[in-house]
Protein backbone atom coordinates (compact mmCIF):
# COMPACT_ATOMS: atom_id res chain seq x y z
CA MET A 1 44.91 -51.26 -3.55
CA PRO A 2 45.60 -48.54 -1.02
CA THR A 3 46.44 -46.21 -3.88
CA GLU A 4 43.08 -46.83 -5.53
CA ASN A 5 41.26 -46.14 -2.27
CA THR A 6 43.32 -43.00 -1.78
CA ASP A 7 42.62 -41.88 -5.34
CA ASP A 8 38.92 -42.59 -4.85
CA LEU A 9 38.92 -40.63 -1.60
CA ILE A 10 40.72 -37.73 -3.25
CA MET A 11 38.21 -37.71 -6.12
CA GLU A 12 35.32 -37.91 -3.69
CA PHE A 13 36.83 -35.08 -1.63
CA LYS A 14 37.24 -32.93 -4.75
CA GLN A 15 33.64 -33.63 -5.72
CA LEU A 16 32.43 -32.74 -2.23
CA THR A 17 34.52 -29.55 -2.30
CA ALA A 18 33.01 -28.60 -5.67
CA ASN A 19 29.50 -29.32 -4.35
CA LEU A 20 30.21 -27.22 -1.27
CA ALA A 21 31.46 -24.32 -3.42
CA THR A 22 28.31 -24.56 -5.55
CA MET A 23 26.10 -24.55 -2.46
CA GLN A 24 27.98 -21.58 -1.01
CA HIS A 25 27.47 -19.68 -4.26
CA GLN A 26 23.75 -20.52 -4.18
CA VAL A 27 23.47 -19.41 -0.54
CA VAL A 28 25.16 -16.07 -1.34
CA LYS A 29 22.84 -15.63 -4.33
CA MET A 30 19.77 -16.44 -2.20
CA LEU A 31 20.88 -14.05 0.56
CA ALA A 32 21.29 -11.25 -1.98
CA GLU A 33 17.87 -12.00 -3.47
CA ASN A 34 16.37 -12.13 0.02
CA GLU A 35 17.80 -8.70 0.83
CA GLU A 36 16.45 -7.27 -2.43
CA LEU A 37 13.02 -8.70 -1.63
CA ARG A 38 13.21 -7.26 1.89
CA ILE A 39 13.95 -3.81 0.48
CA GLU A 40 11.19 -4.12 -2.12
CA ASN A 41 8.76 -5.32 0.55
CA GLN A 42 9.60 -2.35 2.76
CA HIS A 43 9.14 -0.01 -0.19
CA LEU A 44 5.73 -1.53 -0.93
CA HIS A 45 4.74 -1.23 2.74
CA ASP A 46 5.75 2.44 2.67
CA LEU A 47 3.66 3.00 -0.46
CA LEU A 48 0.71 1.19 1.09
CA ASP A 49 0.99 3.25 4.28
CA ALA A 50 1.12 6.47 2.26
CA HIS A 51 -1.91 5.35 0.23
CA GLU A 52 -3.84 4.44 3.37
CA LYS A 53 -2.99 7.76 5.02
CA LYS A 54 -4.09 9.60 1.90
CA HIS A 55 -7.42 7.76 1.80
CA GLN A 56 -7.81 7.81 5.54
CA GLY A 57 -8.24 11.53 5.09
CA VAL A 58 -11.63 10.82 3.55
CA GLN A 59 -13.67 13.56 5.07
CA VAL A 60 -15.32 12.94 8.36
CA LEU A 61 -17.89 15.68 8.65
CA SER A 62 -18.45 17.60 11.84
CA LYS A 63 -21.86 17.31 13.46
CA SER A 64 -22.94 20.71 12.08
CA LYS A 65 -21.86 19.77 8.55
CA GLN A 66 -23.65 16.44 8.91
CA ASN A 67 -26.81 18.39 9.77
CA LEU A 68 -26.32 20.61 6.72
CA GLU A 69 -25.71 17.52 4.58
CA LYS A 70 -28.95 15.99 5.87
CA LEU A 71 -30.90 19.15 4.96
CA TYR A 72 -29.24 19.20 1.55
CA ASN A 73 -30.05 15.51 0.99
CA ASP A 74 -33.64 16.22 2.04
CA GLY A 75 -33.84 18.59 -0.93
CA TYR A 76 -33.10 22.03 0.51
CA HIS A 77 -30.43 24.57 -0.31
CA ILE A 78 -28.07 25.38 2.53
CA CYS A 79 -26.00 27.95 0.63
CA ASN A 80 -26.17 31.72 1.24
CA GLN A 81 -27.69 32.39 -2.18
CA TYR A 82 -30.71 30.08 -1.89
CA TYR A 83 -30.84 29.07 1.79
CA GLY A 84 -34.00 27.18 2.69
CA LYS A 85 -35.37 26.98 -0.84
CA SER A 86 -36.21 23.59 -2.32
CA ARG A 87 -33.83 22.10 -4.82
CA LEU A 88 -35.97 21.26 -7.82
CA GLN A 89 -35.68 17.57 -8.73
CA ASN A 90 -32.76 17.33 -6.30
CA GLU A 91 -30.44 19.18 -8.68
CA SER A 92 -26.98 19.62 -7.26
CA CYS A 93 -25.79 23.03 -6.13
CA ILE A 94 -22.10 23.82 -6.26
CA PHE A 95 -22.48 26.45 -3.52
CA CYS A 96 -24.14 23.97 -1.15
CA THR A 97 -21.63 21.21 -1.81
CA GLU A 98 -18.76 23.65 -1.28
CA ILE A 99 -20.17 24.57 2.13
CA ILE A 100 -20.56 20.91 3.13
CA TYR A 101 -17.47 19.32 1.59
CA GLY A 102 -15.15 22.26 0.93
CA GLU A 103 -11.99 22.64 2.98
CA ARG A 104 -11.73 25.56 5.36
């Protein structure tokens, strides 16, 4: 009888050892996957930050350019070529838009 109990205990111990080894392998695998996801997440955050900074640069017009934009939207040219003249049927003018929205 004691031999059977000992054999059973040995078998149970071997099974527990095998289960422990399997769990350790799974933990190592999960830690590696977690680190990969951390890196990917950081990369995505960096891309998002870059995208936000790029679009944050959406032009905020100075007060004087806002005034020119208002005149332009009211239907008047603000460019040197046609300053003060009405824009027929609110046609767009590349010279006016360059003055308002162009970079200087």
